[in-house]
Amino acid sequence: QVQLVESGGGLVQAGGSLRLSCAASGRTFSSYAMGWFRQAPGKEREFLAVINRSGGRTYYASSVKGRFTISRDNAKNTVYLQMNSLKPEDTAVYYCAASLTYSSDSGSPASYDYWGQGTQVTVSS
């Protein structure tokens, strides 16, 4: 089992920045690729970014590439999502997730084995 807890969400003005954290406990954190997703009311869960076990490879959705950065610290069992130039359309609940694989399917929620409870991000205009 892996337990994931997100933090760092909140209310920010458009153009601002937030850094989300996801702390993992349980089985070896470095065994998992880690992803970030978000879900706005009435919409499907949307893939944002994924990072492989070592942190050496990342992949981003086109909607956030260049604005968001995923990183991880395996010594701290934590994955981060730095979000810059935030827009009102970035408003959603943000989730981190853990997967035993890093592949071309890493954009699919079905590829992930464990999920956090989510943290709300609200961007005001």
Protein backbone atom coordinates (compact mmCIF):
# COMPACT_ATOMS: atom_id res chain seq x y z
CA GLN A 1 0.00 0.00 0.00
CA VAL A 2 1.04 3.59 -0.65
CA GLN A 3 -0.64 6.49 1.08
CA LEU A 4 -0.52 9.84 -0.68
CA VAL A 5 -1.35 13.21 0.88
CA GLU A 6 -1.46 16.39 -1.17
CA SER A 7 -0.96 19.86 0.22
CA GLY A 8 -0.29 23.38 -0.98
CA GLY A 9 -3.57 24.19 -2.65
CA GLY A 10 -5.43 27.43 -2.06
CA LEU A 11 -6.73 30.62 -3.58
CA VAL A 12 -4.46 32.61 -5.90
CA GLN A 13 -4.95 35.43 -8.36
CA ALA A 14 -4.52 34.89 -12.08
CA GLY A 15 -0.86 35.10 -13.01
CA GLY A 16 0.23 33.85 -9.63
CA SER A 17 2.03 30.69 -8.58
CA LEU A 18 1.49 27.76 -6.26
CA ARG A 19 3.57 24.73 -5.40
CA LEU A 20 1.73 21.53 -4.60
CA SER A 21 3.33 18.77 -2.59
CA CYS A 22 2.42 15.12 -2.35
CA ALA A 23 3.90 13.17 0.52
CA ALA A 24 4.01 9.40 0.25
CA SER A 25 4.21 6.76 2.93
CA GLY A 26 4.11 3.01 2.87
CA ARG A 27 5.97 1.02 0.26
CA THR A 28 9.14 2.32 -1.38
CA PHE A 29 8.37 5.69 -2.95
CA SER A 30 11.18 5.40 -5.48
CA SER A 31 9.54 2.30 -6.95
CA TYR A 32 6.75 4.41 -8.40
CA ALA A 33 6.35 6.82 -11.23
CA MET A 34 4.30 9.76 -9.97
CA GLY A 35 1.67 11.73 -11.78
CA TRP A 36 -0.46 14.80 -11.23
CA PHE A 37 -4.06 15.10 -12.41
CA ARG A 38 -6.85 17.58 -11.86
CA GLN A 39 -10.61 17.50 -12.00
CA ALA A 40 -12.90 20.48 -12.39
CA PRO A 41 -16.62 20.26 -11.57
CA GLY A 42 -18.52 18.43 -14.28
CA LYS A 43 -15.35 17.44 -16.13
CA GLU A 44 -13.30 14.29 -16.43
CA ARG A 45 -10.05 13.85 -14.58
CA GLU A 46 -7.31 15.47 -16.65
CA PHE A 47 -3.69 14.35 -16.84
CA LEU A 48 -1.14 17.08 -16.15
CA ALA A 49 2.33 15.61 -15.72
CA VAL A 50 4.26 12.46 -14.86
CA ILE A 51 7.79 11.82 -13.60
CA ASN A 52 9.64 8.53 -13.66
CA ARG A 53 11.11 6.75 -10.64
CA SER A 54 14.47 8.47 -10.69
CA GLY A 55 13.16 11.88 -11.66
CA GLY A 56 15.16 11.88 -14.86
CA ARG A 57 12.22 11.81 -17.23
CA THR A 58 9.07 13.88 -17.30
CA TYR A 59 6.11 14.34 -19.59
CA TYR A 60 3.49 17.09 -19.61
CA ALA A 61 0.07 17.70 -21.04
CA SER A 62 0.10 20.41 -23.67
CA SER A 63 -2.28 22.49 -21.57
CA VAL A 64 0.34 23.01 -18.85
CA LYS A 65 3.68 22.51 -20.60
CA GLY A 66 5.88 25.51 -19.98
CA ARG A 67 3.82 26.67 -16.99
CA PHE A 68 3.92 23.65 -14.66
CA THR A 69 6.95 21.69 -13.50
CA ILE A 70 6.90 18.28 -11.85
CA SER A 71 9.78 17.19 -9.65
CA ARG A 72 10.45 14.68 -6.89
CA ASP A 73 12.69 14.19 -3.91
CA ASN A 74 13.03 10.49 -3.22
CA ALA A 75 14.87 11.15 0.04
CA LYS A 76 11.78 13.01 1.29
CA ASN A 77 9.22 10.69 -0.35
CA THR A 78 7.64 13.73 -1.95
CA VAL A 79 6.61 14.80 -5.43
CA TYR A 80 5.96 18.43 -6.31
CA LEU A 81 4.03 20.39 -8.88
CA GLN A 82 5.21 23.95 -9.37
CA MET A 83 2.47 25.93 -11.07
CA ASN A 84 3.22 29.33 -12.60
CA SER A 85 1.19 31.80 -14.66
CA LEU A 86 -2.01 30.37 -13.27
CA LYS A 87 -5.27 30.98 -15.11
CA PRO A 88 -8.88 30.82 -13.90
CA GLU A 89 -9.32 27.69 -16.01
CA ASP A 90 -6.71 25.97 -13.83
CA THR A 91 -9.27 25.93 -11.02
CA ALA A 92 -9.83 22.31 -9.99
CA VAL A 93 -9.10 19.68 -7.40
CA TYR A 94 -5.55 18.47 -7.94
CA TYR A 95 -4.55 14.87 -7.30
CA CYS A 96 -1.27 13.04 -7.17
CA ALA A 97 -1.08 9.38 -8.09
CA ALA A 98 1.45 6.55 -8.05
CA SER A 99 2.09 4.01 -10.76
CA LEU A 100 4.41 1.03 -11.03
CA THR A 101 5.00 1.88 -14.68
CA TYR A 102 6.18 4.87 -16.68
CA SER A 103 5.00 4.41 -20.24
CA SER A 104 3.02 5.85 -23.08
CA ASP A 105 -0.06 5.06 -21.00
CA SER A 106 1.02 7.30 -18.14
CA GLY A 107 -1.54 9.89 -19.21
CA SER A 108 -4.39 7.56 -18.36
CA PRO A 109 -5.82 7.50 -14.82
CA ALA A 110 -6.24 3.74 -15.24
CA SER A 111 -2.45 3.36 -15.21
CA TYR A 112 -2.20 4.50 -11.60
CA ASP A 113 -2.47 2.28 -8.56
CA TYR A 114 -2.79 4.77 -5.72
CA TRP A 115 -4.35 8.21 -5.40
CA GLY A 116 -4.32 11.02 -2.90
CA GLN A 117 -7.45 12.70 -1.61
CA GLY A 118 -6.90 15.88 -3.61
CA THR A 119 -6.26 19.53 -2.84
CA GLN A 120 -8.35 22.43 -4.12
CA VAL A 121 -6.77 25.10 -6.29
CA THR A 122 -8.84 28.17 -7.06
CA VAL A 123 -7.58 30.86 -9.43
CA SER A 124 -9.46 34.14 -9.36
CA SER A 125 -9.60 36.50 -12.31
